[in-house]
Amino acid sequence: MPRGSTPSRINKIHCQACPLTGITSGEIGTLAPGAHADLLVVDGDPLTDLAVLTRPERHLRHVVKAGAVL
């Protein structure tokens, strides 16, 4: 990551790397029919505070994997 990056920029860089996984455009990074339904629900805004993603015991509320709430 570039030094001094904001949480929003770091999340954007991460999402831009998704095509490297071989997943087709439209299957990830969106909530839509036919898209992969993996989702983390946290009690905060990871665009302004990355700590909500690094402290799951404190911030993680739900995990959705392949459309099912775990």
PDB file of N, CA and C in Angstrom:
ATOM      1  N   MET A   1       0.832  -1.173   0.000  1.00  0.00           N
ATOM      2  CA  MET A   1       0.000   0.000   0.000  1.00  0.00           C
ATOM      3  C   MET A   1       0.880   1.240   0.000  1.00  0.00           C
ATOM      4  N   PRO A   2       0.448   2.242  -0.732  1.00  0.00           N
ATOM      5  CA  PRO A   2       1.179   3.498  -0.702  1.00  0.00           C
ATOM      6  C   PRO A   2       1.135   4.101   0.702  1.00  0.00           C
ATOM      7  N   ARG A   3       2.269   4.611   1.134  1.00  0.00           N
ATOM      8  CA  ARG A   3       2.348   5.209   2.473  1.00  0.00           C
ATOM      9  C   ARG A   3       1.342   6.348   2.593  1.00  0.00           C
ATOM     10  N   GLY A   4       0.641   6.394   3.709  1.00  0.00           N
ATOM     11  CA  GLY A   4      -0.337   7.446   3.948  1.00  0.00           C
ATOM     12  C   GLY A   4      -1.682   7.215   3.284  1.00  0.00           C
ATOM     13  N   SER A   5      -1.929   6.018   2.767  1.00  0.00           N
ATOM     14  CA  SER A   5      -3.212   5.728   2.124  1.00  0.00           C
ATOM     15  C   SER A   5      -4.345   5.796   3.132  1.00  0.00           C
ATOM     16  N   THR A   6      -5.487   6.265   2.679  1.00  0.00           N
ATOM     17  CA  THR A   6      -6.674   6.301   3.530  1.00  0.00           C
ATOM     18  C   THR A   6      -7.324   4.921   3.516  1.00  0.00           C
ATOM     19  N   PRO A   7      -8.134   4.614   4.528  1.00  0.00           N
ATOM     20  CA  PRO A   7      -8.858   3.340   4.518  1.00  0.00           C
ATOM     21  C   PRO A   7      -9.679   3.153   3.247  1.00  0.00           C
ATOM     22  N   SER A   8     -10.289   4.214   2.759  1.00  0.00           N
ATOM     23  CA  SER A   8     -11.083   4.125   1.539  1.00  0.00           C
ATOM     24  C   SER A   8     -10.208   3.726   0.347  1.00  0.00           C
ATOM     25  N   ARG A   9      -9.026   4.316   0.234  1.00  0.00           N
ATOM     26  CA  ARG A   9      -8.108   3.987  -0.871  1.00  0.00           C
ATOM     27  C   ARG A   9      -7.624   2.547  -0.754  1.00  0.00           C
ATOM     28  N   ILE A  10      -7.331   2.090   0.454  1.00  0.00           N
ATOM     29  CA  ILE A  10      -6.870   0.720   0.658  1.00  0.00           C
ATOM     30  C   ILE A  10      -7.949  -0.269   0.237  1.00  0.00           C
ATOM     31  N   ASN A  11      -9.201  -0.012   0.614  1.00  0.00           N
ATOM     32  CA  ASN A  11     -10.311  -0.880   0.202  1.00  0.00           C
ATOM     33  C   ASN A  11     -10.471  -0.879  -1.312  1.00  0.00           C
ATOM     34  N   LYS A  12     -10.316   0.269  -1.945  1.00  0.00           N
ATOM     35  CA  LYS A  12     -10.442   0.357  -3.400  1.00  0.00           C
ATOM     36  C   LYS A  12      -9.343  -0.457  -4.081  1.00  0.00           C
ATOM     37  N   ILE A  13      -8.109  -0.343  -3.598  1.00  0.00           N
ATOM     38  CA  ILE A  13      -6.998  -1.108  -4.163  1.00  0.00           C
ATOM     39  C   ILE A  13      -7.273  -2.601  -4.033  1.00  0.00           C
ATOM     40  N   HIS A  14      -7.764  -3.015  -2.875  1.00  0.00           N
ATOM     41  CA  HIS A  14      -8.085  -4.424  -2.643  1.00  0.00           C
ATOM     42  C   HIS A  14      -9.130  -4.915  -3.643  1.00  0.00           C
ATOM     43  N   CYS A  15     -10.173  -4.132  -3.844  1.00  0.00           N
ATOM     44  CA  CYS A  15     -11.238  -4.538  -4.768  1.00  0.00           C
ATOM     45  C   CYS A  15     -10.758  -4.568  -6.215  1.00  0.00           C
ATOM     46  N   GLN A  16      -9.827  -3.704  -6.557  1.00  0.00           N
ATOM     47  CA  GLN A  16      -9.307  -3.691  -7.923  1.00  0.00           C
ATOM     48  C   GLN A  16      -8.483  -4.940  -8.204  1.00  0.00           C
ATOM     49  N   ALA A  17      -7.969  -5.586  -7.174  1.00  0.00           N
ATOM     50  CA  ALA A  17      -7.176  -6.803  -7.355  1.00  0.00           C
ATOM     51  C   ALA A  17      -8.067  -8.018  -7.600  1.00  0.00           C
ATOM     52  N   CYS A  18      -9.362  -7.901  -7.379  1.00  0.00           N
ATOM     53  CA  CYS A  18     -10.271  -9.036  -7.519  1.00  0.00           C
ATOM     54  C   CYS A  18     -10.219  -9.712  -8.882  1.00  0.00           C
ATOM     55  N   PRO A  19     -10.060  -8.983  -9.995  1.00  0.00           N
ATOM     56  CA  PRO A  19      -9.986  -9.685 -11.285  1.00  0.00           C
ATOM     57  C   PRO A  19      -8.814 -10.663 -11.363  1.00  0.00           C
ATOM     58  N   LEU A  20      -7.810 -10.470 -10.553  1.00  0.00           N
ATOM     59  CA  LEU A  20      -6.669 -11.381 -10.553  1.00  0.00           C
ATOM     60  C   LEU A  20      -7.052 -12.765 -10.035  1.00  0.00           C
ATOM     61  N   THR A  21      -8.206 -12.877  -9.392  1.00  0.00           N
ATOM     62  CA  THR A  21      -8.654 -14.151  -8.838  1.00  0.00           C
ATOM     63  C   THR A  21      -9.299 -15.040  -9.898  1.00  0.00           C
ATOM     64  N   GLY A  22      -9.581 -14.490 -11.058  1.00  0.00           N
ATOM     65  CA  GLY A  22     -10.225 -15.265 -12.120  1.00  0.00           C
ATOM     66  C   GLY A  22     -11.742 -15.204 -12.078  1.00  0.00           C
ATOM     67  N   ILE A  23     -12.290 -14.475 -11.142  1.00  0.00           N
ATOM     68  CA  ILE A  23     -13.743 -14.337 -11.062  1.00  0.00           C
ATOM     69  C   ILE A  23     -14.183 -13.295 -12.080  1.00  0.00           C
ATOM     70  N   THR A  24     -15.219 -13.595 -12.805  1.00  0.00           N
ATOM     71  CA  THR A  24     -15.708 -12.733 -13.873  1.00  0.00           C
ATOM     72  C   THR A  24     -16.329 -11.460 -13.318  1.00  0.00           C
ATOM     73  N   SER A  25     -16.167 -10.390 -14.052  1.00  0.00           N
ATOM     74  CA  SER A  25     -16.759  -9.116 -13.690  1.00  0.00           C
ATOM     75  C   SER A  25     -18.265  -9.281 -13.502  1.00  0.00           C
ATOM     76  N   GLY A  26     -18.812  -8.630 -12.488  1.00  0.00           N
ATOM     77  CA  GLY A  26     -20.236  -8.725 -12.202  1.00  0.00           C
ATOM     78  C   GLY A  26     -20.568  -9.807 -11.191  1.00  0.00           C
ATOM     79  N   GLU A  27     -19.607 -10.701 -10.909  1.00  0.00           N
ATOM     80  CA  GLU A  27     -19.845 -11.750  -9.916  1.00  0.00           C
ATOM     81  C   GLU A  27     -19.400 -11.320  -8.532  1.00  0.00           C
ATOM     82  N   ILE A  28     -18.532 -10.329  -8.460  1.00  0.00           N
ATOM     83  CA  ILE A  28     -18.046  -9.846  -7.163  1.00  0.00           C
ATOM     84  C   ILE A  28     -18.136  -8.327  -7.114  1.00  0.00           C
ATOM     85  N   GLY A  29     -18.102  -7.798  -5.903  1.00  0.00           N
ATOM     86  CA  GLY A  29     -18.124  -6.352  -5.736  1.00  0.00           C
ATOM     87  C   GLY A  29     -19.482  -5.725  -5.948  1.00  0.00           C
ATOM     88  N   THR A  30     -20.504  -6.559  -5.962  1.00  0.00           N
ATOM     89  CA  THR A  30     -21.854  -6.041  -6.179  1.00  0.00           C
ATOM     90  C   THR A  30     -22.866  -6.917  -5.435  1.00  0.00           C
ATOM     91  N   LEU A  31     -23.985  -6.352  -5.113  1.00  0.00           N
ATOM     92  CA  LEU A  31     -25.103  -7.117  -4.558  1.00  0.00           C
ATOM     93  C   LEU A  31     -26.150  -7.190  -5.660  1.00  0.00           C
ATOM     94  N   ALA A  32     -26.178  -8.316  -6.347  1.00  0.00           N
ATOM     95  CA  ALA A  32     -27.088  -8.467  -7.480  1.00  0.00           C
ATOM     96  C   ALA A  32     -27.355  -9.943  -7.729  1.00  0.00           C
ATOM     97  N   PRO A  33     -28.471 -10.266  -8.376  1.00  0.00           N
ATOM     98  CA  PRO A  33     -28.732 -11.664  -8.708  1.00  0.00           C
ATOM     99  C   PRO A  33     -27.576 -12.255  -9.527  1.00  0.00           C
ATOM    100  N   GLY A  34     -27.141 -13.446  -9.149  1.00  0.00           N
ATOM    101  CA  GLY A  34     -26.056 -14.118  -9.845  1.00  0.00           C
ATOM    102  C   GLY A  34     -24.667 -13.796  -9.322  1.00  0.00           C
ATOM    103  N   ALA A  35     -24.563 -12.803  -8.461  1.00  0.00           N
ATOM    104  CA  ALA A  35     -23.266 -12.431  -7.899  1.00  0.00           C
ATOM    105  C   ALA A  35     -22.942 -13.346  -6.720  1.00  0.00           C
ATOM    106  N   HIS A  36     -21.662 -13.498  -6.442  1.00  0.00           N
ATOM    107  CA  HIS A  36     -21.256 -14.260  -5.264  1.00  0.00           C
ATOM    108  C   HIS A  36     -21.730 -13.506  -4.026  1.00  0.00           C
ATOM    109  N   ALA A  37     -22.282 -14.211  -3.081  1.00  0.00           N
ATOM    110  CA  ALA A  37     -22.856 -13.559  -1.907  1.00  0.00           C
ATOM    111  C   ALA A  37     -22.004 -13.804  -0.673  1.00  0.00           C
ATOM    112  N   ASP A  38     -20.766 -13.373  -0.715  1.00  0.00           N
ATOM    113  CA  ASP A  38     -19.914 -13.408   0.467  1.00  0.00           C
ATOM    114  C   ASP A  38     -19.864 -11.986   1.006  1.00  0.00           C
ATOM    115  N   LEU A  39     -20.179 -11.844   2.278  1.00  0.00           N
ATOM    116  CA  LEU A  39     -20.336 -10.507   2.833  1.00  0.00           C
ATOM    117  C   LEU A  39     -19.984 -10.525   4.307  1.00  0.00           C
ATOM    118  N   LEU A  40     -19.303  -9.490   4.770  1.00  0.00           N
ATOM    119  CA  LEU A  40     -19.058  -9.292   6.193  1.00  0.00           C
ATOM    120  C   LEU A  40     -19.909  -8.123   6.644  1.00  0.00           C
ATOM    121  N   VAL A  41     -20.614  -8.292   7.742  1.00  0.00           N
ATOM    122  CA  VAL A  41     -21.397  -7.213   8.321  1.00  0.00           C
ATOM    123  C   VAL A  41     -20.677  -6.782   9.589  1.00  0.00           C
ATOM    124  N   VAL A  42     -20.246  -5.528   9.604  1.00  0.00           N
ATOM    125  CA  VAL A  42     -19.499  -4.998  10.747  1.00  0.00           C
ATOM    126  C   VAL A  42     -20.224  -3.797  11.321  1.00  0.00           C
ATOM    127  N   ASP A  43     -19.931  -3.481  12.563  1.00  0.00           N
ATOM    128  CA  ASP A  43     -20.569  -2.336  13.211  1.00  0.00           C
ATOM    129  C   ASP A  43     -19.645  -1.115  13.135  1.00  0.00           C
ATOM    130  N   GLY A  44     -19.409  -0.694  11.929  1.00  0.00           N
ATOM    131  CA  GLY A  44     -18.569   0.464  11.694  1.00  0.00           C
ATOM    132  C   GLY A  44     -18.410   0.686  10.206  1.00  0.00           C
ATOM    133  N   ASP A  45     -17.619   1.676   9.869  1.00  0.00           N
ATOM    134  CA  ASP A  45     -17.413   2.028   8.467  1.00  0.00           C
ATOM    135  C   ASP A  45     -15.964   1.745   8.075  1.00  0.00           C
ATOM    136  N   PRO A  46     -15.704   0.631   7.375  1.00  0.00           N
ATOM    137  CA  PRO A  46     -14.336   0.305   7.007  1.00  0.00           C
ATOM    138  C   PRO A  46     -13.729   1.290   6.011  1.00  0.00           C
ATOM    139  N   LEU A  47     -14.538   2.154   5.424  1.00  0.00           N
ATOM    140  CA  LEU A  47     -13.994   3.168   4.525  1.00  0.00           C
ATOM    141  C   LEU A  47     -13.323   4.297   5.290  1.00  0.00           C
ATOM    142  N   THR A  48     -13.663   4.424   6.563  1.00  0.00           N
ATOM    143  CA  THR A  48     -13.032   5.458   7.381  1.00  0.00           C
ATOM    144  C   THR A  48     -12.206   4.885   8.519  1.00  0.00           C
ATOM    145  N   ASP A  49     -12.439   3.621   8.891  1.00  0.00           N
ATOM    146  CA  ASP A  49     -11.722   3.006  10.004  1.00  0.00           C
ATOM    147  C   ASP A  49     -11.492   1.524   9.731  1.00  0.00           C
ATOM    148  N   LEU A  50     -10.287   1.181   9.273  1.00  0.00           N
ATOM    149  CA  LEU A  50      -9.980  -0.213   8.949  1.00  0.00           C
ATOM    150  C   LEU A  50      -9.976  -1.121  10.169  1.00  0.00           C
ATOM    151  N   ALA A  51      -9.934  -0.571  11.364  1.00  0.00           N
ATOM    152  CA  ALA A  51      -9.929  -1.381  12.580  1.00  0.00           C
ATOM    153  C   ALA A  51     -11.161  -2.267  12.672  1.00  0.00           C
ATOM    154  N   VAL A  52     -12.259  -1.858  12.047  1.00  0.00           N
ATOM    155  CA  VAL A  52     -13.467  -2.695  12.101  1.00  0.00           C
ATOM    156  C   VAL A  52     -13.251  -4.013  11.367  1.00  0.00           C
ATOM    157  N   LEU A  53     -12.248  -4.082  10.490  1.00  0.00           N
ATOM    158  CA  LEU A  53     -11.948  -5.324   9.786  1.00  0.00           C
ATOM    159  C   LEU A  53     -10.830  -6.111  10.449  1.00  0.00           C
ATOM    160  N   THR A  54     -10.059  -5.468  11.303  1.00  0.00           N
ATOM    161  CA  THR A  54      -8.922  -6.137  11.938  1.00  0.00           C
ATOM    162  C   THR A  54      -9.235  -6.634  13.340  1.00  0.00           C
ATOM    163  N   ARG A  55     -10.384  -6.297  13.855  1.00  0.00           N
ATOM    164  CA  ARG A  55     -10.792  -6.739  15.194  1.00  0.00           C
ATOM    165  C   ARG A  55     -12.162  -7.409  15.141  1.00  0.00           C
ATOM    166  N   PRO A  56     -12.226  -8.602  14.539  1.00  0.00           N
ATOM    167  CA  PRO A  56     -13.540  -9.240  14.361  1.00  0.00           C
ATOM    168  C   PRO A  56     -14.246  -9.543  15.683  1.00  0.00           C
ATOM    169  N   GLU A  57     -13.481  -9.842  16.710  1.00  0.00           N
ATOM    170  CA  GLU A  57     -14.119 -10.146  17.998  1.00  0.00           C
ATOM    171  C   GLU A  57     -14.890  -8.952  18.541  1.00  0.00           C
ATOM    172  N   ARG A  58     -14.559  -7.783  18.069  1.00  0.00           N
ATOM    173  CA  ARG A  58     -15.196  -6.571  18.553  1.00  0.00           C
ATOM    174  C   ARG A  58     -16.227  -6.004  17.573  1.00  0.00           C
ATOM    175  N   HIS A  59     -15.983  -6.175  16.270  1.00  0.00           N
ATOM    176  CA  HIS A  59     -16.802  -5.486  15.273  1.00  0.00           C
ATOM    177  C   HIS A  59     -17.614  -6.374  14.345  1.00  0.00           C
ATOM    178  N   LEU A  60     -17.243  -7.637  14.186  1.00  0.00           N
ATOM    179  CA  LEU A  60     -17.935  -8.505  13.241  1.00  0.00           C
ATOM    180  C   LEU A  60     -19.293  -8.922  13.791  1.00  0.00           C
ATOM    181  N   ARG A  61     -20.334  -8.700  13.002  1.00  0.00           N
ATOM    182  CA  ARG A  61     -21.688  -9.037  13.440  1.00  0.00           C
ATOM    183  C   ARG A  61     -22.238 -10.255  12.703  1.00  0.00           C
ATOM    184  N   HIS A  62     -22.002 -10.362  11.399  1.00  0.00           N
ATOM    185  CA  HIS A  62     -22.505 -11.489  10.619  1.00  0.00           C
ATOM    186  C   HIS A  62     -21.557 -11.781   9.472  1.00  0.00           C
ATOM    187  N   VAL A  63     -21.532 -13.037   9.080  1.00  0.00           N
ATOM    188  CA  VAL A  63     -20.796 -13.471   7.887  1.00  0.00           C
ATOM    189  C   VAL A  63     -21.801 -14.150   6.970  1.00  0.00           C
ATOM    190  N   VAL A  64     -21.807 -13.753   5.703  1.00  0.00           N
ATOM    191  CA  VAL A  64     -22.647 -14.394   4.705  1.00  0.00           C
ATOM    192  C   VAL A  64     -21.712 -15.049   3.701  1.00  0.00           C
ATOM    193  N   LYS A  65     -21.838 -16.354   3.557  1.00  0.00           N
ATOM    194  CA  LYS A  65     -20.988 -17.127   2.647  1.00  0.00           C
ATOM    195  C   LYS A  65     -21.881 -17.869   1.673  1.00  0.00           C
ATOM    196  N   ALA A  66     -21.677 -17.636   0.396  1.00  0.00           N
ATOM    197  CA  ALA A  66     -22.480 -18.267  -0.655  1.00  0.00           C
ATOM    198  C   ALA A  66     -23.979 -18.060  -0.419  1.00  0.00           C
ATOM    199  N   GLY A  67     -24.338 -16.897   0.091  1.00  0.00           N
ATOM    200  CA  GLY A  67     -25.741 -16.541   0.288  1.00  0.00           C
ATOM    201  C   GLY A  67     -26.345 -17.020   1.592  1.00  0.00           C
ATOM    202  N   ALA A  68     -25.566 -17.738   2.424  1.00  0.00           N
ATOM    203  CA  ALA A  68     -26.105 -18.234   3.703  1.00  0.00           C
ATOM    204  C   ALA A  68     -25.441 -17.501   4.871  1.00  0.00           C
ATOM    205  N   VAL A  69     -26.242 -17.064   5.828  1.00  0.00           N
ATOM    206  CA  VAL A  69     -25.707 -16.419   7.020  1.00  0.00           C
ATOM    207  C   VAL A  69     -25.101 -17.501   7.912  1.00  0.00           C
ATOM    208  N   LEU A  70     -23.837 -17.322   8.255  1.00  0.00           N
ATOM    209  CA  LEU A  70     -23.149 -18.295   9.104  1.00  0.00           C
ATOM    210  C   LEU A  70     -23.252 -17.898  10.558  1.00  0.00           C
TER     211      LEU A  70
END
